[in-house]
C-alpha atoms as a PDB file:
ATOM      1  CA  UNK A   1      44.688 -61.590 -78.565  1.00  0.00           C
ATOM      2  CA  UNK A   2      46.102 -65.097 -78.260  1.00  0.00           C
ATOM      3  CA  UNK A   3      49.502 -63.693 -77.239  1.00  0.00           C
ATOM      4  CA  UNK A   4      48.042 -61.596 -74.429  1.00  0.00           C
ATOM      5  CA  UNK A   5      48.421 -64.441 -71.941  1.00  0.00           C
ATOM      6  CA  UNK A   6      52.066 -64.960 -72.892  1.00  0.00           C
ATOM      7  CA  UNK A   7      52.801 -61.251 -72.454  1.00  0.00           C
ATOM      8  CA  UNK A   8      50.962 -61.183 -69.129  1.00  0.00           C
ATOM      9  CA  UNK A   9      52.970 -64.163 -67.892  1.00  0.00           C
ATOM     10  CA  UNK A  10      56.234 -62.579 -69.054  1.00  0.00           C
ATOM     11  CA  UNK A  11      55.314 -59.333 -67.309  1.00  0.00           C
ATOM     12  CA  UNK A  12      54.653 -61.286 -64.120  1.00  0.00           C
ATOM     13  CA  UNK A  13      58.044 -63.020 -64.117  1.00  0.00           C
ATOM     14  CA  UNK A  14      60.172 -60.181 -65.489  1.00  0.00           C
ATOM     15  CA  UNK A  15      60.619 -58.486 -62.090  1.00  0.00           C
ATOM     16  CA  UNK A  16      61.491 -61.849 -60.515  1.00  0.00           C
ATOM     17  CA  UNK A  17      64.078 -62.612 -63.195  1.00  0.00           C
ATOM     18  CA  UNK A  18      65.546 -59.126 -62.968  1.00  0.00           C
ATOM     19  CA  UNK A  19      65.758 -59.357 -59.178  1.00  0.00           C
ATOM     20  CA  UNK A  20      67.395 -62.776 -59.373  1.00  0.00           C
ATOM     21  CA  UNK A  21      70.238 -61.344 -61.443  1.00  0.00           C
ATOM     22  CA  UNK A  22      70.959 -58.737 -58.777  1.00  0.00           C
ATOM     23  CA  UNK A  23      70.713 -60.993 -55.733  1.00  0.00           C
ATOM     24  CA  UNK A  24      73.595 -62.703 -54.004  1.00  0.00           C
ATOM     25  CA  UNK A  25      73.918 -66.466 -53.965  1.00  0.00           C
ATOM     26  CA  UNK A  26      72.217 -68.078 -50.987  1.00  0.00           C
ATOM     27  CA  UNK A  27      74.476 -70.609 -49.269  1.00  0.00           C
ATOM     28  CA  UNK A  28      72.848 -74.001 -48.644  1.00  0.00           C
ATOM     29  CA  UNK A  29      69.506 -73.088 -50.240  1.00  0.00           C
ATOM     30  CA  UNK A  30      67.831 -76.458 -49.614  1.00  0.00           C
ATOM     31  CA  UNK A  31      68.787 -77.036 -45.983  1.00  0.00           C
ATOM     32  CA  UNK A  32      68.324 -73.339 -45.177  1.00  0.00           C
ATOM     33  CA  UNK A  33      64.753 -73.450 -46.479  1.00  0.00           C
ATOM     34  CA  UNK A  34      63.952 -76.666 -44.617  1.00  0.00           C
ATOM     35  CA  UNK A  35      65.276 -75.137 -41.378  1.00  0.00           C
ATOM     36  CA  UNK A  36      62.901 -72.192 -41.896  1.00  0.00           C
ATOM     37  CA  UNK A  37      59.992 -74.490 -42.709  1.00  0.00           C
ATOM     38  CA  UNK A  38      60.476 -76.682 -39.623  1.00  0.00           C
ATOM     39  CA  UNK A  39      59.941 -73.581 -37.497  1.00  0.00           C
ATOM     40  CA  UNK A  40      56.892 -72.418 -39.468  1.00  0.00           C
ATOM     41  CA  UNK A  41      55.151 -75.777 -39.718  1.00  0.00           C
ATOM     42  CA  UNK A  42      56.100 -76.680 -36.168  1.00  0.00           C
ATOM     43  CA  UNK A  43      54.355 -73.565 -34.910  1.00  0.00           C
ATOM     44  CA  UNK A  44      51.319 -74.119 -37.139  1.00  0.00           C
ATOM     45  CA  UNK A  45      50.872 -77.801 -36.358  1.00  0.00           C
ATOM     46  CA  UNK A  46      51.401 -77.429 -32.611  1.00  0.00           C
ATOM     47  CA  UNK A  47      48.951 -74.498 -32.564  1.00  0.00           C
ATOM     48  CA  UNK A  48      46.464 -76.557 -34.595  1.00  0.00           C
ATOM     49  CA  UNK A  49      46.803 -79.527 -32.231  1.00  0.00           C
ATOM     50  CA  UNK A  50      46.252 -77.188 -29.283  1.00  0.00           C
ATOM     51  CA  UNK A  51      43.253 -75.489 -30.925  1.00  0.00           C
ATOM     52  CA  UNK A  52      41.253 -78.692 -31.407  1.00  0.00           C
ATOM     53  CA  UNK A  53      39.201 -79.448 -28.274  1.00  0.00           C
ATOM     54  CA  UNK A  54      40.092 -82.740 -26.575  1.00  0.00           C
ATOM     55  CA  UNK A  55      36.627 -84.169 -27.230  1.00  0.00           C
ATOM     56  CA  UNK A  56      37.123 -83.572 -30.981  1.00  0.00           C
ATOM     57  CA  UNK A  57      40.319 -85.641 -31.203  1.00  0.00           C
ATOM     58  CA  UNK A  58      38.093 -88.557 -32.239  1.00  0.00           C
ATOM     59  CA  UNK A  59      36.787 -86.585 -35.241  1.00  0.00           C
ATOM     60  CA  UNK A  60      37.369 -88.085 -38.684  1.00  0.00           C
ATOM     61  CA  UNK A  61      35.909 -86.826 -41.926  1.00  0.00           C
ATOM     62  CA  UNK A  62      35.017 -90.311 -43.193  1.00  0.00           C
ATOM     63  CA  UNK A  63      35.393 -93.813 -41.752  1.00  0.00           C
ATOM     64  CA  UNK A  64      38.334 -94.387 -44.127  1.00  0.00           C
ATOM     65  CA  UNK A  65      40.377 -91.411 -42.870  1.00  0.00           C
ATOM     66  CA  UNK A  66      42.473 -90.916 -39.748  1.00  0.00           C
ATOM     67  CA  UNK A  67      40.957 -89.386 -36.663  1.00  0.00           C
ATOM     68  CA  UNK A  68      42.454 -86.064 -35.617  1.00  0.00           C
ATOM     69  CA  UNK A  69      44.335 -87.915 -32.852  1.00  0.00           C
ATOM     70  CA  UNK A  70      45.710 -90.426 -35.368  1.00  0.00           C
ATOM     71  CA  UNK A  71      46.834 -87.533 -37.578  1.00  0.00           C
ATOM     72  CA  UNK A  72      48.698 -85.864 -34.699  1.00  0.00           C
ATOM     73  CA  UNK A  73      50.343 -89.158 -33.712  1.00  0.00           C
ATOM     74  CA  UNK A  74      51.315 -89.828 -37.328  1.00  0.00           C
ATOM     75  CA  UNK A  75      52.916 -86.377 -37.663  1.00  0.00           C
ATOM     76  CA  UNK A  76      54.989 -86.977 -34.514  1.00  0.00           C
ATOM     77  CA  UNK A  77      56.084 -90.438 -35.664  1.00  0.00           C
ATOM     78  CA  UNK A  78      56.863 -89.326 -39.220  1.00  0.00           C
ATOM     79  CA  UNK A  79      58.838 -86.274 -38.059  1.00  0.00           C
ATOM     80  CA  UNK A  80      60.932 -88.356 -35.692  1.00  0.00           C
ATOM     81  CA  UNK A  81      61.569 -91.046 -38.304  1.00  0.00           C
ATOM     82  CA  UNK A  82      62.453 -88.752 -41.212  1.00  0.00           C
ATOM     83  CA  UNK A  83      64.543 -86.286 -39.199  1.00  0.00           C
ATOM     84  CA  UNK A  84      66.499 -89.217 -37.736  1.00  0.00           C
ATOM     85  CA  UNK A  85      67.082 -90.581 -41.257  1.00  0.00           C
ATOM     86  CA  UNK A  86      68.188 -87.192 -42.557  1.00  0.00           C
ATOM     87  CA  UNK A  87      70.532 -86.404 -39.662  1.00  0.00           C
ATOM     88  CA  UNK A  88      71.748 -89.831 -38.605  1.00  0.00           C
ATOM     89  CA  UNK A  89      70.582 -89.105 -35.053  1.00  0.00           C
ATOM     90  CA  UNK A  90      68.546 -91.578 -33.005  1.00  0.00           C
ATOM     91  CA  UNK A  91      64.828 -90.821 -33.101  1.00  0.00           C
ATOM     92  CA  UNK A  92      62.952 -90.328 -29.841  1.00  0.00           C
ATOM     93  CA  UNK A  93      61.121 -93.498 -28.829  1.00  0.00           C
ATOM     94  CA  UNK A  94      57.366 -92.900 -28.899  1.00  0.00           C
ATOM     95  CA  UNK A  95      56.327 -96.403 -29.981  1.00  0.00           C
ATOM     96  CA  UNK A  96      54.210 -96.822 -26.835  1.00  0.00           C
ATOM     97  CA  UNK A  97      52.232 -93.624 -27.507  1.00  0.00           C
ATOM     98  CA  UNK A  98      48.718 -94.306 -28.785  1.00  0.00           C
ATOM     99  CA  UNK A  99      46.105 -92.130 -30.437  1.00  0.00           C
ATOM    100  CA  UNK A 100      43.893 -92.777 -27.388  1.00  0.00           C
ATOM    101  CA  UNK A 101      46.411 -91.313 -24.924  1.00  0.00           C
ATOM    102  CA  UNK A 102      44.660 -87.957 -24.913  1.00  0.00           C
ATOM    103  CA  UNK A 103      45.219 -84.483 -26.231  1.00  0.00           C
ATOM    104  CA  UNK A 104      47.900 -83.401 -23.746  1.00  0.00           C
ATOM    105  CA  UNK A 105      50.220 -86.318 -24.531  1.00  0.00           C
ATOM    106  CA  UNK A 106      49.651 -86.025 -28.283  1.00  0.00           C
ATOM    107  CA  UNK A 107      50.290 -82.272 -28.322  1.00  0.00           C
ATOM    108  CA  UNK A 108      53.462 -82.828 -26.295  1.00  0.00           C
ATOM    109  CA  UNK A 109      54.585 -85.545 -28.735  1.00  0.00           C
ATOM    110  CA  UNK A 110      54.042 -83.429 -31.853  1.00  0.00           C
ATOM    111  CA  UNK A 111      55.796 -80.460 -30.231  1.00  0.00           C
ATOM    112  CA  UNK A 112      58.722 -82.679 -29.202  1.00  0.00           C
ATOM    113  CA  UNK A 113      58.925 -84.084 -32.736  1.00  0.00           C
ATOM    114  CA  UNK A 114      59.323 -80.610 -34.240  1.00  0.00           C
ATOM    115  CA  UNK A 115      61.885 -79.768 -31.533  1.00  0.00           C
ATOM    116  CA  UNK A 116      63.774 -82.952 -32.471  1.00  0.00           C
ATOM    117  CA  UNK A 117      63.623 -82.033 -36.162  1.00  0.00           C
ATOM    118  CA  UNK A 118      64.929 -78.547 -35.415  1.00  0.00           C
ATOM    119  CA  UNK A 119      67.900 -80.032 -33.557  1.00  0.00           C
ATOM    120  CA  UNK A 120      68.443 -82.797 -36.130  1.00  0.00           C
ATOM    121  CA  UNK A 121      68.440 -80.414 -39.093  1.00  0.00           C
ATOM    122  CA  UNK A 122      70.528 -77.725 -37.388  1.00  0.00           C
ATOM    123  CA  UNK A 123      73.965 -79.065 -38.313  1.00  0.00           C
ATOM    124  CA  UNK A 124      73.182 -80.014 -41.916  1.00  0.00           C
ATOM    125  CA  UNK A 125      74.190 -78.257 -45.089  1.00  0.00           C
ATOM    126  CA  UNK A 126      73.608 -78.946 -48.765  1.00  0.00           C
ATOM    127  CA  UNK A 127      76.891 -80.841 -49.156  1.00  0.00           C
ATOM    128  CA  UNK A 128      75.233 -83.977 -47.722  1.00  0.00           C
ATOM    129  CA  UNK A 129      72.085 -84.025 -49.896  1.00  0.00           C
ATOM    130  CA  UNK A 130      73.300 -86.982 -51.944  1.00  0.00           C
ATOM    131  CA  UNK A 131      74.141 -89.158 -48.950  1.00  0.00           C
ATOM    132  CA  UNK A 132      71.926 -92.126 -48.143  1.00  0.00           C
ATOM    133  CA  UNK A 133      69.060 -91.760 -45.693  1.00  0.00           C
ATOM    134  CA  UNK A 134      68.303 -95.487 -45.786  1.00  0.00           C
ATOM    135  CA  UNK A 135      65.621 -97.458 -47.554  1.00  0.00           C
ATOM    136  CA  UNK A 136      62.053 -96.372 -48.145  1.00  0.00           C
ATOM    137  CA  UNK A 137      60.197 -99.242 -49.677  1.00  0.00           C
ATOM    138  CA  UNK A 138      62.408-100.859 -52.313  1.00  0.00           C
ATOM    139  CA  UNK A 139      64.389 -97.669 -53.006  1.00  0.00           C
ATOM    140  CA  UNK A 140      67.372 -96.088 -51.306  1.00  0.00           C
ATOM    141  CA  UNK A 141      66.473 -92.572 -50.236  1.00  0.00           C
ATOM    142  CA  UNK A 142      68.975 -89.706 -50.348  1.00  0.00           C
ATOM    143  CA  UNK A 143      69.062 -87.083 -47.617  1.00  0.00           C
ATOM    144  CA  UNK A 144      67.852 -84.553 -50.177  1.00  0.00           C
ATOM    145  CA  UNK A 145      64.979 -86.828 -51.168  1.00  0.00           C
ATOM    146  CA  UNK A 146      64.074 -87.364 -47.510  1.00  0.00           C
ATOM    147  CA  UNK A 147      64.045 -83.575 -47.026  1.00  0.00           C
ATOM    148  CA  UNK A 148      61.649 -83.150 -49.941  1.00  0.00           C
ATOM    149  CA  UNK A 149      59.357 -85.864 -48.561  1.00  0.00           C
ATOM    150  CA  UNK A 150      59.503 -84.297 -45.081  1.00  0.00           C
ATOM    151  CA  UNK A 151      58.509 -80.876 -46.434  1.00  0.00           C
ATOM    152  CA  UNK A 152      55.720 -82.386 -48.523  1.00  0.00           C
ATOM    153  CA  UNK A 153      54.461 -84.180 -45.448  1.00  0.00           C
ATOM    154  CA  UNK A 154      54.310 -80.955 -43.431  1.00  0.00           C
ATOM    155  CA  UNK A 155      52.252 -79.275 -46.165  1.00  0.00           C
ATOM    156  CA  UNK A 156      49.954 -82.261 -46.580  1.00  0.00           C
ATOM    157  CA  UNK A 157      49.315 -82.870 -42.909  1.00  0.00           C
ATOM    158  CA  UNK A 158      48.835 -79.221 -42.059  1.00  0.00           C
ATOM    159  CA  UNK A 159      46.299 -78.997 -44.899  1.00  0.00           C
ATOM    160  CA  UNK A 160      44.428 -81.978 -43.472  1.00  0.00           C
ATOM    161  CA  UNK A 161      44.608 -80.487 -39.997  1.00  0.00           C
ATOM    162  CA  UNK A 162      43.252 -77.158 -41.263  1.00  0.00           C
ATOM    163  CA  UNK A 163      40.278 -78.895 -42.879  1.00  0.00           C
ATOM    164  CA  UNK A 164      39.531 -80.880 -39.702  1.00  0.00           C
ATOM    165  CA  UNK A 165      39.680 -77.657 -37.681  1.00  0.00           C
ATOM    166  CA  UNK A 166      37.407 -75.739 -40.070  1.00  0.00           C
ATOM    167  CA  UNK A 167      34.822 -78.518 -40.219  1.00  0.00           C
ATOM    168  CA  UNK A 168      34.711 -78.300 -36.423  1.00  0.00           C
ATOM    169  CA  UNK A 169      34.185 -74.520 -36.473  1.00  0.00           C
ATOM    170  CA  UNK A 170      37.780 -73.581 -35.625  1.00  0.00           C
ATOM    171  CA  UNK A 171      39.843 -71.163 -37.713  1.00  0.00           C
ATOM    172  CA  UNK A 172      43.227 -72.773 -38.481  1.00  0.00           C
ATOM    173  CA  UNK A 173      46.327 -70.999 -37.093  1.00  0.00           C
ATOM    174  CA  UNK A 174      47.478 -69.896 -40.568  1.00  0.00           C
ATOM    175  CA  UNK A 175      44.147 -68.131 -41.131  1.00  0.00           C
ATOM    176  CA  UNK A 176      44.092 -66.374 -37.762  1.00  0.00           C
ATOM    177  CA  UNK A 177      44.265 -62.595 -37.939  1.00  0.00           C
ATOM    178  CA  UNK A 178      47.616 -61.302 -36.705  1.00  0.00           C
ATOM    179  CA  UNK A 179      49.297 -57.946 -36.329  1.00  0.00           C
ATOM    180  CA  UNK A 180      50.696 -56.783 -39.643  1.00  0.00           C
ATOM    181  CA  UNK A 181      48.843 -59.356 -41.746  1.00  0.00           C
ATOM    182  CA  UNK A 182      46.705 -57.935 -44.530  1.00  0.00           C
END
């Protein structure tokens, strides 16, 4: 009985392992995945920013957390900063944008930041993953490391956004019913 879990786990991964042996090598697996994720998380986060009513942009779950507006502004700033580091391009200047500038400006900024990331990541391939992306704190960050942090940030911030939306009675974009989804 104690080996049942091991056999169940092996049975789960056997088809994956067998399929992996038959599949072709994917060129640039890291940058290719990030380029797919920028599209997905760009769509989700822009849709989430649009779904939250303007009067709810001041919502925060606790006094210690960001407001929804601060979250949207942070996403735009972080995207611009990290995608500039990864690509070597100059980040769009949004330093004068504030969390009090209103929903329309914040939605436009987050959308523009994902557009910038799409452009910035477009010409990259995995051959540059070890190149420097500058300092982050006391450590030098590689392009590959910056890509990992960028992807983590998208997951983290979309998760926060989804919670803020749900608490305000709004179904997050990723949970919306769509054609073909089961």
